[in-house]
Amino acid sequence: MARAAAVIEASGLVKELGGRRVVDDVAFVASPGECVALVGANGAGKSTLLRLLVRLVEPDAGRIRIHGIDAVGASTTALRDLRRRTGFVFQHHYLVGRASTLTNVVHGALGRVAWWRAFTQGVAPAALRGEAMACLSRVGLPHVAAQRADRLSGGQSQRVAIARALMQRPALLLADEPAASLDPSAGEEVMGVFRALAREEGMTVVFTSHHVSHALGYSDRIVGLRAGRIVLDAPTGSIEAGTVHALYS
């Protein structure tokens, strides 16, 4: 049986900031349905690498292919299309506090439908509202659809941010420290959502984390960085907790 094409293929990635290489000759691959944890101490280059993949940060050198598209050489239109197919979940949720939860999720479709259709759930077509409700159900929150976003808990807000990203219909979901600002229980809920999306939906998920337990408990593969270089890349089941902890020393 032929092997499925990689969702992410990157090689020779370099990024310098302030005269220092924060990403240094990195090669990185992620396969369909794989959940990958990027780990390492502060300044190791995790977040920069994540942003390089979709050119939220411009690389100084290297090659990136996402969904088979040359991301480095992509035109503005091609890059916009690539980003539409890639969900990005940040540590901070960036919800519109005064809007309903459902409206915030509908906003996730802004890149693929006329802006006025996704401006608010009140004017969104029934099909779009139904899709947004389905996304809320996938993160376990259909019951808060009518609630204002600024009344959600931290864990709920992050799950709504994931639902909003799912409205893009992504094949790839990138998450930068998604549980860093959450209490332990909410953090476990959010990480469980990512694992389910990979295992049940076949989505490729790449997340950064300082939580060794999250990396070990919710990923298929761990990629460890130190001073901008990959020093560990192995299936999660083959890695001991002490090996991951050593990346933070």
C-alpha atoms as a PDB file:
ATOM      1  CA  MET A   1       0.000   0.000   0.000  1.00  0.00           C
ATOM      2  CA  ALA A   2       1.360   3.426  -0.943  1.00  0.00           C
ATOM      3  CA  ARG A   3       2.259   5.697   1.945  1.00  0.00           C
ATOM      4  CA  ALA A   4       0.094   8.809   2.289  1.00  0.00           C
ATOM      5  CA  ALA A   5       1.817  12.047   1.320  1.00  0.00           C
ATOM      6  CA  ALA A   6       3.128  14.097   4.229  1.00  0.00           C
ATOM      7  CA  VAL A   7       1.012  17.056   5.299  1.00  0.00           C
ATOM      8  CA  ILE A   8       4.127  19.003   6.366  1.00  0.00           C
ATOM      9  CA  GLU A   9       7.569  18.687   4.799  1.00  0.00           C
ATOM     10  CA  ALA A  10      10.194  21.193   5.861  1.00  0.00           C
ATOM     11  CA  SER A  11      13.966  21.147   5.486  1.00  0.00           C
ATOM     12  CA  GLY A  12      16.883  23.481   6.098  1.00  0.00           C
ATOM     13  CA  LEU A  13      14.723  25.993   7.979  1.00  0.00           C
ATOM     14  CA  VAL A  14      16.628  28.954   9.387  1.00  0.00           C
ATOM     15  CA  LYS A  15      15.356  32.019  11.231  1.00  0.00           C
ATOM     16  CA  GLU A  16      17.517  34.673  12.857  1.00  0.00           C
ATOM     17  CA  LEU A  17      16.161  37.163  15.383  1.00  0.00           C
ATOM     18  CA  GLY A  18      18.317  39.743  17.118  1.00  0.00           C
ATOM     19  CA  GLY A  19      21.487  38.271  15.650  1.00  0.00           C
ATOM     20  CA  ARG A  20      20.719  34.796  17.002  1.00  0.00           C
ATOM     21  CA  ARG A  21      19.528  31.716  15.125  1.00  0.00           C
ATOM     22  CA  VAL A  22      16.284  30.780  16.873  1.00  0.00           C
ATOM     23  CA  VAL A  23      15.618  28.074  14.250  1.00  0.00           C
ATOM     24  CA  ASP A  24      18.778  26.462  12.947  1.00  0.00           C
ATOM     25  CA  ASP A  25      18.736  24.069   9.964  1.00  0.00           C
ATOM     26  CA  VAL A  26      15.531  22.310  11.024  1.00  0.00           C
ATOM     27  CA  ALA A  27      13.974  19.460   9.043  1.00  0.00           C
ATOM     28  CA  PHE A  28      10.460  18.473  10.034  1.00  0.00           C
ATOM     29  CA  VAL A  29       7.784  16.133   8.659  1.00  0.00           C
ATOM     30  CA  ALA A  30       4.226  15.407   9.843  1.00  0.00           C
ATOM     31  CA  SER A  31       1.957  12.743   8.382  1.00  0.00           C
ATOM     32  CA  PRO A  32      -1.839  12.653   7.958  1.00  0.00           C
ATOM     33  CA  GLY A  33      -3.610  11.943  11.262  1.00  0.00           C
ATOM     34  CA  GLU A  34      -0.427  12.359  13.305  1.00  0.00           C
ATOM     35  CA  CYS A  35      -0.376  14.304  16.572  1.00  0.00           C
ATOM     36  CA  VAL A  36       3.071  15.817  17.129  1.00  0.00           C
ATOM     37  CA  ALA A  37       4.332  17.593  20.260  1.00  0.00           C
ATOM     38  CA  LEU A  38       7.068  20.222  19.913  1.00  0.00           C
ATOM     39  CA  VAL A  39       8.871  20.524  23.254  1.00  0.00           C
ATOM     40  CA  GLY A  40      11.826  22.390  24.688  1.00  0.00           C
ATOM     41  CA  ALA A  41      12.807  25.163  27.067  1.00  0.00           C
ATOM     42  CA  ASN A  42      11.926  28.820  26.576  1.00  0.00           C
ATOM     43  CA  GLY A  43      13.835  30.148  23.590  1.00  0.00           C
ATOM     44  CA  ALA A  44      14.325  26.698  22.047  1.00  0.00           C
ATOM     45  CA  GLY A  45      12.483  27.785  18.899  1.00  0.00           C
ATOM     46  CA  LYS A  46       9.181  25.902  19.249  1.00  0.00           C
ATOM     47  CA  SER A  47       6.774  28.772  18.642  1.00  0.00           C
ATOM     48  CA  THR A  48       8.925  30.271  15.891  1.00  0.00           C
ATOM     49  CA  LEU A  49       9.036  26.932  14.085  1.00  0.00           C
ATOM     50  CA  LEU A  50       5.254  26.625  14.298  1.00  0.00           C
ATOM     51  CA  ARG A  51       4.797  30.093  12.807  1.00  0.00           C
ATOM     52  CA  LEU A  52       7.380  29.484  10.095  1.00  0.00           C
ATOM     53  CA  LEU A  53       5.345  26.573   8.768  1.00  0.00           C
ATOM     54  CA  VAL A  54       2.567  28.892   7.552  1.00  0.00           C
ATOM     55  CA  ARG A  55       4.793  31.962   7.125  1.00  0.00           C
ATOM     56  CA  LEU A  56       3.380  33.947   9.990  1.00  0.00           C
ATOM     57  CA  VAL A  57       7.134  34.403  10.425  1.00  0.00           C
ATOM     58  CA  GLU A  58       9.214  34.555   7.245  1.00  0.00           C
ATOM     59  CA  PRO A  59      12.102  32.049   7.022  1.00  0.00           C
ATOM     60  CA  ASP A  60      15.603  33.277   6.214  1.00  0.00           C
ATOM     61  CA  ALA A  61      16.353  29.986   4.456  1.00  0.00           C
ATOM     62  CA  GLY A  62      14.816  26.588   3.888  1.00  0.00           C
ATOM     63  CA  ARG A  63      12.003  24.748   2.161  1.00  0.00           C
ATOM     64  CA  ILE A  64       8.419  24.232   3.370  1.00  0.00           C
ATOM     65  CA  ARG A  65       5.650  22.240   1.731  1.00  0.00           C
ATOM     66  CA  ILE A  66       2.195  22.164   3.329  1.00  0.00           C
ATOM     67  CA  HIS A  67      -0.551  20.043   1.730  1.00  0.00           C
ATOM     68  CA  GLY A  68       1.864  19.640  -1.202  1.00  0.00           C
ATOM     69  CA  ILE A  69       2.083  23.414  -1.712  1.00  0.00           C
ATOM     70  CA  ASP A  70       5.447  25.210  -1.785  1.00  0.00           C
ATOM     71  CA  ALA A  71       4.775  27.614   1.098  1.00  0.00           C
ATOM     72  CA  VAL A  72       8.021  29.561   0.679  1.00  0.00           C
ATOM     73  CA  GLY A  73       7.477  30.288  -2.999  1.00  0.00           C
ATOM     74  CA  ALA A  74       3.696  30.613  -2.769  1.00  0.00           C
ATOM     75  CA  SER A  75       1.967  33.635  -4.245  1.00  0.00           C
ATOM     76  CA  THR A  76      -0.207  35.776  -2.011  1.00  0.00           C
ATOM     77  CA  THR A  77      -3.301  33.970  -3.299  1.00  0.00           C
ATOM     78  CA  ALA A  78      -1.784  30.496  -2.834  1.00  0.00           C
ATOM     79  CA  LEU A  79      -0.568  31.367   0.655  1.00  0.00           C
ATOM     80  CA  ARG A  80      -4.034  32.630   1.580  1.00  0.00           C
ATOM     81  CA  ASP A  81      -5.514  29.330   0.375  1.00  0.00           C
ATOM     82  CA  LEU A  82      -2.937  27.372   2.383  1.00  0.00           C
ATOM     83  CA  ARG A  83      -3.817  29.282   5.543  1.00  0.00           C
ATOM     84  CA  ARG A  84      -7.527  28.666   4.973  1.00  0.00           C
ATOM     85  CA  ARG A  85      -6.778  24.947   5.108  1.00  0.00           C
ATOM     86  CA  THR A  86      -4.675  25.291   8.258  1.00  0.00           C
ATOM     87  CA  GLY A  87      -6.237  26.028  11.636  1.00  0.00           C
ATOM     88  CA  PHE A  88      -4.127  27.900  14.199  1.00  0.00           C
ATOM     89  CA  VAL A  89      -4.988  27.914  17.906  1.00  0.00           C
ATOM     90  CA  PHE A  90      -3.082  30.391  20.060  1.00  0.00           C
ATOM     91  CA  GLN A  91      -2.486  30.444  23.806  1.00  0.00           C
ATOM     92  CA  HIS A  92      -4.751  33.511  23.980  1.00  0.00           C
ATOM     93  CA  HIS A  93      -8.182  32.821  22.599  1.00  0.00           C
ATOM     94  CA  TYR A  94      -8.955  36.123  20.804  1.00  0.00           C
ATOM     95  CA  LEU A  95     -12.727  35.683  21.042  1.00  0.00           C
ATOM     96  CA  VAL A  96     -15.112  38.607  20.584  1.00  0.00           C
ATOM     97  CA  GLY A  97     -16.301  38.921  24.158  1.00  0.00           C
ATOM     98  CA  ARG A  98     -19.623  40.676  23.527  1.00  0.00           C
ATOM     99  CA  ALA A  99     -20.631  38.280  20.760  1.00  0.00           C
ATOM    100  CA  SER A 100     -22.275  34.929  21.313  1.00  0.00           C
ATOM    101  CA  THR A 101     -20.252  31.758  21.339  1.00  0.00           C
ATOM    102  CA  LEU A 102     -21.963  30.662  18.130  1.00  0.00           C
ATOM    103  CA  THR A 103     -21.066  33.926  16.377  1.00  0.00           C
ATOM    104  CA  ASN A 104     -17.417  33.460  17.371  1.00  0.00           C
ATOM    105  CA  VAL A 105     -17.427  29.989  15.823  1.00  0.00           C
ATOM    106  CA  VAL A 106     -19.164  31.226  12.654  1.00  0.00           C
ATOM    107  CA  HIS A 107     -16.294  33.726  12.301  1.00  0.00           C
ATOM    108  CA  GLY A 108     -14.055  30.784  11.478  1.00  0.00           C
ATOM    109  CA  ALA A 109     -15.679  30.626   8.039  1.00  0.00           C
ATOM    110  CA  LEU A 110     -14.707  34.193   7.113  1.00  0.00           C
ATOM    111  CA  GLY A 111     -11.871  33.000   4.887  1.00  0.00           C
ATOM    112  CA  ARG A 112     -14.107  30.827   2.684  1.00  0.00           C
ATOM    113  CA  VAL A 113     -17.493  32.621   2.430  1.00  0.00           C
ATOM    114  CA  ALA A 114     -18.605  36.193   1.763  1.00  0.00           C
ATOM    115  CA  TRP A 115     -17.746  38.224   4.860  1.00  0.00           C
ATOM    116  CA  TRP A 116     -21.312  39.315   5.551  1.00  0.00           C
ATOM    117  CA  ARG A 117     -22.486  35.687   5.739  1.00  0.00           C
ATOM    118  CA  ALA A 118     -20.093  34.953   8.607  1.00  0.00           C
ATOM    119  CA  PHE A 119     -20.155  38.351  10.333  1.00  0.00           C
ATOM    120  CA  THR A 120     -22.688  37.179  12.931  1.00  0.00           C
ATOM    121  CA  GLN A 121     -24.733  34.054  13.473  1.00  0.00           C
ATOM    122  CA  GLY A 122     -27.894  36.158  13.131  1.00  0.00           C
ATOM    123  CA  VAL A 123     -27.333  36.712   9.399  1.00  0.00           C
ATOM    124  CA  ALA A 124     -25.448  33.488   8.656  1.00  0.00           C
ATOM    125  CA  PRO A 125     -27.283  30.971   6.441  1.00  0.00           C
ATOM    126  CA  ALA A 126     -28.860  28.038   8.246  1.00  0.00           C
ATOM    127  CA  ALA A 127     -26.266  25.661   6.781  1.00  0.00           C
ATOM    128  CA  LEU A 128     -23.414  27.754   8.199  1.00  0.00           C
ATOM    129  CA  ARG A 129     -25.053  27.960  11.629  1.00  0.00           C
ATOM    130  CA  GLY A 130     -25.589  24.216  11.556  1.00  0.00           C
ATOM    131  CA  GLU A 131     -21.934  23.631  10.708  1.00  0.00           C
ATOM    132  CA  ALA A 132     -20.882  25.925  13.560  1.00  0.00           C
ATOM    133  CA  MET A 133     -23.101  23.987  15.968  1.00  0.00           C
ATOM    134  CA  ALA A 134     -21.501  20.757  14.747  1.00  0.00           C
ATOM    135  CA  CYS A 135     -18.055  22.222  15.462  1.00  0.00           C
ATOM    136  CA  LEU A 136     -19.185  23.197  18.964  1.00  0.00           C
ATOM    137  CA  SER A 137     -20.450  19.655  19.464  1.00  0.00           C
ATOM    138  CA  ARG A 138     -17.062  18.263  18.442  1.00  0.00           C
ATOM    139  CA  VAL A 139     -15.483  20.148  21.356  1.00  0.00           C
ATOM    140  CA  GLY A 140     -18.321  19.286  23.750  1.00  0.00           C
ATOM    141  CA  LEU A 141     -19.915  22.748  24.011  1.00  0.00           C
ATOM    142  CA  PRO A 142     -23.179  22.910  22.040  1.00  0.00           C
ATOM    143  CA  HIS A 143     -24.990  23.998  25.218  1.00  0.00           C
ATOM    144  CA  VAL A 144     -23.126  27.353  25.400  1.00  0.00           C
ATOM    145  CA  ALA A 145     -23.924  28.456  21.821  1.00  0.00           C
ATOM    146  CA  ALA A 146     -26.120  31.370  22.934  1.00  0.00           C
ATOM    147  CA  GLN A 147     -23.850  32.459  25.792  1.00  0.00           C
ATOM    148  CA  ARG A 148     -21.668  35.551  25.487  1.00  0.00           C
ATOM    149  CA  ALA A 149     -18.045  34.624  24.945  1.00  0.00           C
ATOM    150  CA  ASP A 150     -16.839  36.806  27.819  1.00  0.00           C
ATOM    151  CA  ARG A 151     -18.823  34.641  30.238  1.00  0.00           C
ATOM    152  CA  LEU A 152     -17.040  31.427  29.333  1.00  0.00           C
ATOM    153  CA  SER A 153     -14.418  29.804  31.530  1.00  0.00           C
ATOM    154  CA  GLY A 154     -10.818  29.637  30.327  1.00  0.00           C
ATOM    155  CA  GLY A 155     -11.140  26.024  29.258  1.00  0.00           C
ATOM    156  CA  GLN A 156     -14.410  26.699  27.475  1.00  0.00           C
ATOM    157  CA  SER A 157     -12.900  29.705  25.685  1.00  0.00           C
ATOM    158  CA  GLN A 158     -10.024  27.616  24.380  1.00  0.00           C
ATOM    159  CA  ARG A 159     -12.368  24.891  23.163  1.00  0.00           C
ATOM    160  CA  VAL A 160     -14.474  27.541  21.393  1.00  0.00           C
ATOM    161  CA  ALA A 161     -11.264  28.789  19.744  1.00  0.00           C
ATOM    162  CA  ILE A 162     -10.675  25.223  18.525  1.00  0.00           C
ATOM    163  CA  ALA A 163     -14.255  25.038  17.207  1.00  0.00           C
ATOM    164  CA  ARG A 164     -13.680  28.330  15.379  1.00  0.00           C
ATOM    165  CA  ALA A 165     -10.544  26.864  13.787  1.00  0.00           C
ATOM    166  CA  LEU A 166     -12.516  23.775  12.744  1.00  0.00           C
ATOM    167  CA  MET A 167     -14.899  26.024  10.794  1.00  0.00           C
ATOM    168  CA  GLN A 168     -12.013  26.515   8.354  1.00  0.00           C
ATOM    169  CA  ARG A 169     -12.355  22.798   7.518  1.00  0.00           C
ATOM    170  CA  PRO A 170      -8.612  22.333   8.059  1.00  0.00           C
ATOM    171  CA  ALA A 171      -6.569  19.243   7.313  1.00  0.00           C
ATOM    172  CA  LEU A 172      -3.866  20.615   9.618  1.00  0.00           C
ATOM    173  CA  LEU A 173      -4.251  22.159  13.072  1.00  0.00           C
ATOM    174  CA  LEU A 174      -1.361  24.037  14.715  1.00  0.00           C
ATOM    175  CA  ALA A 175      -1.582  24.986  18.397  1.00  0.00           C
ATOM    176  CA  ASP A 176       0.891  27.147  20.310  1.00  0.00           C
ATOM    177  CA  GLU A 177       0.903  26.420  24.069  1.00  0.00           C
ATOM    178  CA  PRO A 178      -2.869  25.803  23.992  1.00  0.00           C
ATOM    179  CA  ALA A 179      -3.085  24.792  27.658  1.00  0.00           C
ATOM    180  CA  ALA A 180      -0.518  27.181  29.161  1.00  0.00           C
ATOM    181  CA  SER A 181      -3.076  29.585  30.650  1.00  0.00           C
ATOM    182  CA  LEU A 182      -5.544  26.916  31.787  1.00  0.00           C
ATOM    183  CA  ASP A 183      -5.983  25.091  35.081  1.00  0.00           C
ATOM    184  CA  PRO A 184      -4.934  21.403  35.041  1.00  0.00           C
ATOM    185  CA  SER A 185      -8.433  20.026  34.505  1.00  0.00           C
ATOM    186  CA  ALA A 186      -9.257  22.408  31.644  1.00  0.00           C
ATOM    187  CA  GLY A 187      -5.845  21.735  30.115  1.00  0.00           C
ATOM    188  CA  GLU A 188      -6.517  18.006  30.036  1.00  0.00           C
ATOM    189  CA  GLU A 189      -9.891  18.618  28.366  1.00  0.00           C
ATOM    190  CA  VAL A 190      -8.338  20.748  25.645  1.00  0.00           C
ATOM    191  CA  MET A 191      -5.536  18.276  24.980  1.00  0.00           C
ATOM    192  CA  GLY A 192      -8.099  15.483  24.795  1.00  0.00           C
ATOM    193  CA  VAL A 193      -9.860  17.387  22.022  1.00  0.00           C
ATOM    194  CA  PHE A 194      -6.643  17.558  19.988  1.00  0.00           C
ATOM    195  CA  ARG A 195      -5.984  13.853  20.413  1.00  0.00           C
ATOM    196  CA  ALA A 196      -9.555  13.005  19.359  1.00  0.00           C
ATOM    197  CA  LEU A 197      -9.297  15.191  16.248  1.00  0.00           C
ATOM    198  CA  ALA A 198      -6.178  13.315  15.179  1.00  0.00           C
ATOM    199  CA  ARG A 199      -7.389   9.821  16.009  1.00  0.00           C
ATOM    200  CA  GLU A 200     -11.058  10.094  15.091  1.00  0.00           C
ATOM    201  CA  GLU A 201     -11.045  12.746  12.360  1.00  0.00           C
ATOM    202  CA  GLY A 202      -7.676  11.991  10.747  1.00  0.00           C
ATOM    203  CA  MET A 203      -6.520  15.576  11.242  1.00  0.00           C
ATOM    204  CA  THR A 204      -2.810  16.332  11.532  1.00  0.00           C
ATOM    205  CA  VAL A 205      -2.161  18.181  14.804  1.00  0.00           C
ATOM    206  CA  VAL A 206       1.092  19.877  15.847  1.00  0.00           C
ATOM    207  CA  PHE A 207       1.229  21.539  19.257  1.00  0.00           C
ATOM    208  CA  THR A 208       3.896  23.172  21.398  1.00  0.00           C
ATOM    209  CA  SER A 209       3.914  22.562  25.123  1.00  0.00           C
ATOM    210  CA  HIS A 210       5.869  23.037  28.326  1.00  0.00           C
ATOM    211  CA  HIS A 211       3.831  20.267  29.960  1.00  0.00           C
ATOM    212  CA  VAL A 212       5.805  17.036  29.776  1.00  0.00           C
ATOM    213  CA  SER A 213       2.679  15.101  30.774  1.00  0.00           C
ATOM    214  CA  HIS A 214       0.762  16.576  27.829  1.00  0.00           C
ATOM    215  CA  ALA A 215       3.527  15.722  25.386  1.00  0.00           C
ATOM    216  CA  LEU A 216       3.703  12.143  26.666  1.00  0.00           C
ATOM    217  CA  GLY A 217      -0.032  11.654  27.094  1.00  0.00           C
ATOM    218  CA  TYR A 218      -1.511  13.180  23.957  1.00  0.00           C
ATOM    219  CA  SER A 219       1.001  12.894  21.115  1.00  0.00           C
ATOM    220  CA  ASP A 220       2.058  10.156  18.726  1.00  0.00           C
ATOM    221  CA  ARG A 221       5.497  11.685  18.281  1.00  0.00           C
ATOM    222  CA  ILE A 222       7.697  14.074  20.223  1.00  0.00           C
ATOM    223  CA  VAL A 223      10.096  16.507  18.584  1.00  0.00           C
ATOM    224  CA  GLY A 224      12.482  18.169  21.020  1.00  0.00           C
ATOM    225  CA  LEU A 225      14.356  21.388  20.314  1.00  0.00           C
ATOM    226  CA  ARG A 226      17.359  22.963  21.993  1.00  0.00           C
ATOM    227  CA  ALA A 227      18.872  26.278  20.836  1.00  0.00           C
ATOM    228  CA  GLY A 228      16.903  26.137  17.610  1.00  0.00           C
ATOM    229  CA  ARG A 229      17.966  22.640  16.583  1.00  0.00           C
ATOM    230  CA  ILE A 230      16.063  19.351  16.732  1.00  0.00           C
ATOM    231  CA  VAL A 231      17.788  17.053  19.220  1.00  0.00           C
ATOM    232  CA  LEU A 232      14.999  14.496  19.646  1.00  0.00           C
ATOM    233  CA  ASP A 233      12.484  13.069  17.170  1.00  0.00           C
ATOM    234  CA  ALA A 234      10.893   9.750  18.082  1.00  0.00           C
ATOM    235  CA  PRO A 235       7.560   7.969  18.636  1.00  0.00           C
ATOM    236  CA  THR A 236       6.116   8.959  22.002  1.00  0.00           C
ATOM    237  CA  GLY A 237       5.844   5.381  23.213  1.00  0.00           C
ATOM    238  CA  SER A 238       9.606   4.915  22.880  1.00  0.00           C
ATOM    239  CA  ILE A 239      10.535   7.956  24.998  1.00  0.00           C
ATOM    240  CA  GLU A 240      10.952   8.044  28.770  1.00  0.00           C
ATOM    241  CA  ALA A 241       9.731  11.008  30.784  1.00  0.00           C
ATOM    242  CA  GLY A 242      13.275  11.770  31.967  1.00  0.00           C
ATOM    243  CA  THR A 243      14.429  12.255  28.377  1.00  0.00           C
ATOM    244  CA  VAL A 244      11.795  14.934  27.824  1.00  0.00           C
ATOM    245  CA  HIS A 245      12.468  16.608  31.181  1.00  0.00           C
ATOM    246  CA  ALA A 246      16.157  16.859  30.246  1.00  0.00           C
ATOM    247  CA  LEU A 247      15.244  19.171  27.363  1.00  0.00           C
ATOM    248  CA  TYR A 248      14.237  21.799  29.917  1.00  0.00           C
ATOM    249  CA  SER A 249      17.465  21.661  31.927  1.00  0.00           C
END
